[in-house]
C-alpha cells in the first residue's frame, strides 16, 4: 500500500473525529460552571476554618484532600465527580467547626 495513501486515510479519520460536535455542550458548560462555583465556595470555607483555628482537625484535612481531588476532576472534565467531592468536603468543613 502506498504510504501517502495510508497517511491521507489516517489524516481523514483524525479530522473526522475532531469535527464531530460535542454531545451536550450546554449541559457540560452548566456543570463546569457549577463545579467552579462550588470549588470557590469550598476553598473560601476551608480558608475561613483555617483562619479560625480549625485547620488542624481531621475533618479539615479530609476536606482539603477532597477539594484538591475535585480540582483535578474539574481539569479532566469530570464535573459530576467534582461537584460531589465538593459537597462532601463542605460537610467535613462544617464538622470541623464543631
N, C-alpha and C. Protein backbone atom coordinates (compact mmCIF):
# COMPACT_ATOMS: atom_id res chain seq x y z
N UNK A 1 0.85 -1.18 0.00
CA UNK A 1 0.00 0.00 0.00
C UNK A 1 0.89 1.23 0.00
N UNK A 2 0.49 2.22 -0.73
CA UNK A 2 1.24 3.46 -0.83
C UNK A 2 1.23 4.20 0.50
N UNK A 3 2.37 4.66 0.97
CA UNK A 3 2.49 5.35 2.25
C UNK A 3 1.68 6.65 2.27
N UNK A 4 1.67 7.36 1.15
CA UNK A 4 0.92 8.61 1.09
C UNK A 4 -0.58 8.35 1.22
N UNK A 5 -1.05 7.28 0.62
CA UNK A 5 -2.46 6.92 0.71
C UNK A 5 -2.83 6.56 2.14
N UNK A 6 -1.95 5.83 2.79
CA UNK A 6 -2.17 5.46 4.19
C UNK A 6 -2.18 6.69 5.09
N UNK A 7 -1.27 7.61 4.87
CA UNK A 7 -1.21 8.86 5.65
C UNK A 7 -2.45 9.70 5.42
N UNK A 8 -2.91 9.77 4.19
CA UNK A 8 -4.12 10.54 3.87
C UNK A 8 -5.35 9.93 4.54
N UNK A 9 -5.43 8.61 4.55
CA UNK A 9 -6.55 7.95 5.21
C UNK A 9 -6.54 8.20 6.72
N UNK A 10 -5.37 8.13 7.32
CA UNK A 10 -5.25 8.38 8.76
C UNK A 10 -5.61 9.82 9.10
N UNK A 11 -5.18 10.75 8.27
CA UNK A 11 -5.49 12.17 8.48
C UNK A 11 -6.98 12.42 8.33
N UNK A 12 -7.60 11.79 7.35
CA UNK A 12 -9.05 11.94 7.14
C UNK A 12 -9.83 11.43 8.34
N UNK A 13 -9.43 10.29 8.86
CA UNK A 13 -10.11 9.72 10.03
C UNK A 13 -9.92 10.63 11.24
N UNK A 14 -8.72 11.14 11.43
CA UNK A 14 -8.45 12.02 12.57
C UNK A 14 -9.26 13.30 12.48
N UNK A 15 -9.32 13.89 11.29
CA UNK A 15 -10.09 15.12 11.13
C UNK A 15 -11.58 14.89 11.28
N UNK A 16 -12.06 13.75 10.86
CA UNK A 16 -13.48 13.43 11.01
C UNK A 16 -13.84 13.32 12.49
N UNK A 17 -12.95 12.77 13.28
CA UNK A 17 -13.20 12.66 14.72
C UNK A 17 -13.19 14.01 15.40
N UNK A 18 -12.37 14.94 14.93
CA UNK A 18 -12.29 16.27 15.54
C UNK A 18 -13.48 17.14 15.16
N UNK A 19 -14.09 16.85 14.03
CA UNK A 19 -15.14 17.74 13.56
C UNK A 19 -16.50 17.43 14.17
N UNK A 20 -16.62 16.32 14.90
CA UNK A 20 -17.92 16.00 15.48
C UNK A 20 -18.24 16.96 16.61
N UNK A 21 -19.50 17.35 16.72
CA UNK A 21 -19.93 18.29 17.73
C UNK A 21 -20.04 17.60 19.08
N UNK A 22 -19.78 18.33 20.17
CA UNK A 22 -19.96 17.74 21.49
C UNK A 22 -21.41 17.33 21.70
N UNK A 23 -21.62 16.31 22.51
CA UNK A 23 -22.97 15.77 22.66
C UNK A 23 -23.93 16.74 23.34
N UNK A 24 -23.54 17.32 24.45
CA UNK A 24 -24.42 18.22 25.19
C UNK A 24 -23.61 19.41 25.71
N UNK A 25 -23.26 20.35 24.85
CA UNK A 25 -22.40 21.43 25.31
C UNK A 25 -23.03 22.32 26.38
N UNK A 26 -24.33 22.56 26.31
CA UNK A 26 -24.97 23.43 27.31
C UNK A 26 -24.94 22.77 28.68
N UNK A 27 -25.20 21.48 28.73
CA UNK A 27 -25.17 20.76 30.00
C UNK A 27 -23.74 20.73 30.55
N UNK A 28 -22.77 20.46 29.68
CA UNK A 28 -21.36 20.45 30.09
C UNK A 28 -20.96 21.79 30.67
N UNK A 29 -21.35 22.87 29.99
CA UNK A 29 -20.99 24.20 30.46
C UNK A 29 -21.63 24.51 31.80
N UNK A 30 -22.88 24.11 31.98
CA UNK A 30 -23.57 24.35 33.25
C UNK A 30 -22.90 23.58 34.38
N UNK A 31 -22.54 22.33 34.12
CA UNK A 31 -21.86 21.53 35.14
C UNK A 31 -20.48 22.11 35.46
N UNK A 32 -19.77 22.57 34.44
CA UNK A 32 -18.45 23.17 34.65
C UNK A 32 -18.57 24.42 35.51
N UNK A 33 -19.56 25.23 35.22
CA UNK A 33 -19.77 26.45 35.99
C UNK A 33 -20.13 26.13 37.44
N UNK A 34 -21.00 25.14 37.64
CA UNK A 34 -21.39 24.74 38.99
C UNK A 34 -20.18 24.19 39.76
N UNK A 35 -19.37 23.41 39.08
CA UNK A 35 -18.16 22.86 39.70
C UNK A 35 -17.23 23.99 40.13
N UNK A 36 -16.99 24.95 39.24
CA UNK A 36 -16.10 26.07 39.56
C UNK A 36 -16.62 26.90 40.73
N UNK A 37 -17.92 27.19 40.72
CA UNK A 37 -18.50 27.96 41.82
C UNK A 37 -18.40 27.20 43.13
N UNK A 38 -18.69 25.90 43.08
CA UNK A 38 -18.61 25.08 44.28
C UNK A 38 -17.19 25.04 44.83
N UNK A 39 -16.22 24.92 43.93
CA UNK A 39 -14.82 24.92 44.37
C UNK A 39 -14.45 26.25 45.03
N UNK A 40 -14.89 27.35 44.45
CA UNK A 40 -14.60 28.66 45.04
C UNK A 40 -15.17 28.76 46.45
N UNK A 41 -16.43 28.37 46.61
CA UNK A 41 -17.07 28.42 47.93
C UNK A 41 -16.36 27.47 48.90
N UNK A 42 -16.06 26.28 48.44
CA UNK A 42 -15.39 25.30 49.29
C UNK A 42 -14.04 25.79 49.79
N UNK A 43 -13.24 26.37 48.90
CA UNK A 43 -11.94 26.88 49.32
C UNK A 43 -12.07 28.08 50.25
N UNK A 44 -13.06 28.93 50.03
CA UNK A 44 -13.29 30.06 50.94
C UNK A 44 -13.65 29.56 52.33
N UNK A 45 -14.54 28.56 52.40
CA UNK A 45 -14.91 27.99 53.70
C UNK A 45 -13.72 27.32 54.37
N UNK A 46 -12.90 26.64 53.57
CA UNK A 46 -11.71 25.99 54.11
C UNK A 46 -10.75 27.02 54.69
N UNK A 47 -10.52 28.10 53.96
CA UNK A 47 -9.63 29.16 54.44
C UNK A 47 -10.19 29.82 55.69
N UNK A 48 -11.50 30.02 55.74
CA UNK A 48 -12.14 30.61 56.92
C UNK A 48 -11.94 29.70 58.13
N UNK A 49 -12.12 28.41 57.94
CA UNK A 49 -11.92 27.46 59.04
C UNK A 49 -10.48 27.48 59.53
N UNK A 50 -9.56 27.54 58.60
CA UNK A 50 -8.14 27.59 58.96
C UNK A 50 -7.83 28.86 59.74
N UNK A 51 -8.36 29.97 59.29
CA UNK A 51 -8.10 31.25 59.96
C UNK A 51 -8.69 31.28 61.36
N UNK A 52 -9.73 30.50 61.60
CA UNK A 52 -10.37 30.48 62.91
C UNK A 52 -9.91 29.33 63.79
N UNK A 53 -8.79 28.73 63.44
CA UNK A 53 -8.18 27.75 64.31
C UNK A 53 -8.63 26.31 64.15
N UNK A 54 -9.35 26.02 63.08
CA UNK A 54 -9.83 24.65 62.89
C UNK A 54 -8.97 23.89 61.88
N UNK A 55 -7.86 24.46 61.48
CA UNK A 55 -7.03 23.87 60.43
C UNK A 55 -6.36 22.58 60.79
N UNK A 56 -6.23 22.26 62.07
CA UNK A 56 -5.54 21.04 62.46
C UNK A 56 -6.44 19.84 62.64
N UNK A 57 -7.72 20.00 62.44
CA UNK A 57 -8.63 18.89 62.69
C UNK A 57 -8.58 17.86 61.56
N UNK A 58 -8.99 16.65 61.89
CA UNK A 58 -9.02 15.57 60.91
C UNK A 58 -10.00 15.88 59.80
N UNK A 59 -11.16 16.46 60.14
CA UNK A 59 -12.17 16.80 59.14
C UNK A 59 -11.64 17.84 58.16
N UNK A 60 -10.88 18.80 58.68
CA UNK A 60 -10.28 19.83 57.83
C UNK A 60 -9.34 19.19 56.81
N UNK A 61 -8.55 18.25 57.28
CA UNK A 61 -7.59 17.57 56.39
C UNK A 61 -8.31 16.78 55.30
N UNK A 62 -9.38 16.08 55.68
CA UNK A 62 -10.15 15.33 54.69
C UNK A 62 -10.78 16.29 53.68
N UNK A 63 -11.30 17.41 54.17
CA UNK A 63 -11.92 18.39 53.27
C UNK A 63 -10.90 18.96 52.29
N UNK A 64 -9.72 19.27 52.77
CA UNK A 64 -8.67 19.81 51.89
C UNK A 64 -8.30 18.80 50.81
N UNK A 65 -8.21 17.53 51.18
CA UNK A 65 -7.88 16.48 50.20
C UNK A 65 -8.99 16.34 49.16
N UNK A 66 -10.23 16.37 49.63
CA UNK A 66 -11.35 16.25 48.70
C UNK A 66 -11.42 17.43 47.74
N UNK A 67 -11.15 18.63 48.23
CA UNK A 67 -11.17 19.79 47.35
C UNK A 67 -10.06 19.70 46.30
N UNK A 68 -8.90 19.20 46.70
CA UNK A 68 -7.83 19.00 45.74
C UNK A 68 -8.20 17.99 44.67
N UNK A 69 -8.83 16.90 45.10
CA UNK A 69 -9.28 15.88 44.14
C UNK A 69 -10.37 16.42 43.22
N UNK A 70 -11.25 17.25 43.77
CA UNK A 70 -12.30 17.86 42.95
C UNK A 70 -11.71 18.79 41.89
N UNK A 71 -10.67 19.50 42.27
CA UNK A 71 -9.99 20.39 41.31
C UNK A 71 -9.38 19.58 40.17
N UNK A 72 -8.80 18.45 40.49
CA UNK A 72 -8.22 17.58 39.45
C UNK A 72 -9.33 17.06 38.54
N UNK A 73 -10.44 16.61 39.13
CA UNK A 73 -11.54 16.11 38.31
C UNK A 73 -12.08 17.20 37.40
N UNK A 74 -12.14 18.41 37.90
CA UNK A 74 -12.60 19.52 37.07
C UNK A 74 -11.70 19.70 35.86
N UNK A 75 -10.40 19.56 36.07
CA UNK A 75 -9.45 19.68 34.98
C UNK A 75 -9.62 18.63 33.90
N UNK A 76 -10.13 17.46 34.29
CA UNK A 76 -10.35 16.38 33.34
C UNK A 76 -11.78 16.35 32.80
N UNK A 77 -12.61 17.31 33.21
CA UNK A 77 -13.97 17.38 32.70
C UNK A 77 -14.94 16.45 33.40
N UNK A 78 -14.56 15.93 34.55
CA UNK A 78 -15.45 15.07 35.33
C UNK A 78 -16.19 15.94 36.34
N UNK A 79 -17.15 16.72 35.83
CA UNK A 79 -17.80 17.74 36.65
C UNK A 79 -18.74 17.17 37.70
N UNK A 80 -19.41 16.07 37.40
CA UNK A 80 -20.29 15.46 38.41
C UNK A 80 -19.48 14.99 39.60
N UNK A 81 -18.36 14.36 39.35
CA UNK A 81 -17.49 13.92 40.44
C UNK A 81 -16.95 15.09 41.24
N UNK A 82 -16.61 16.16 40.54
CA UNK A 82 -16.13 17.37 41.19
C UNK A 82 -17.18 17.92 42.14
N UNK A 83 -18.40 18.03 41.67
CA UNK A 83 -19.49 18.60 42.47
C UNK A 83 -19.74 17.74 43.71
N UNK A 84 -19.74 16.43 43.53
CA UNK A 84 -19.98 15.53 44.67
C UNK A 84 -18.85 15.62 45.70
N UNK A 85 -17.61 15.70 45.24
CA UNK A 85 -16.49 15.81 46.17
C UNK A 85 -16.54 17.12 46.94
N UNK A 86 -16.92 18.20 46.28
CA UNK A 86 -17.02 19.49 46.97
C UNK A 86 -18.13 19.44 48.02
N UNK A 87 -19.26 18.81 47.71
CA UNK A 87 -20.34 18.68 48.69
C UNK A 87 -19.85 17.94 49.93
N UNK A 88 -19.14 16.86 49.71
CA UNK A 88 -18.61 16.08 50.83
C UNK A 88 -17.59 16.89 51.61
N UNK A 89 -16.73 17.61 50.90
CA UNK A 89 -15.71 18.43 51.56
C UNK A 89 -16.36 19.52 52.42
N UNK A 90 -17.41 20.13 51.90
CA UNK A 90 -18.09 21.19 52.67
C UNK A 90 -18.75 20.62 53.92
N UNK A 91 -19.22 19.39 53.84
CA UNK A 91 -19.78 18.74 55.03
C UNK A 91 -18.69 18.52 56.07
N UNK A 92 -17.50 18.11 55.64
CA UNK A 92 -16.38 17.93 56.56
C UNK A 92 -15.95 19.26 57.16
N UNK A 93 -15.96 20.31 56.36
CA UNK A 93 -15.60 21.64 56.86
C UNK A 93 -16.58 22.05 57.96
N UNK A 94 -17.85 21.82 57.73
CA UNK A 94 -18.87 22.14 58.72
C UNK A 94 -18.62 21.35 60.00
N UNK A 95 -18.28 20.07 59.85
CA UNK A 95 -17.98 19.22 61.01
C UNK A 95 -16.75 19.72 61.77
N UNK A 96 -15.77 20.23 61.04
CA UNK A 96 -14.53 20.66 61.69
C UNK A 96 -14.76 21.85 62.61
N UNK A 97 -15.82 22.59 62.43
CA UNK A 97 -16.10 23.77 63.24
C UNK A 97 -16.81 23.43 64.53
N UNK A 98 -17.20 22.17 64.72
CA UNK A 98 -17.93 21.80 65.93
C UNK A 98 -17.00 21.52 67.08
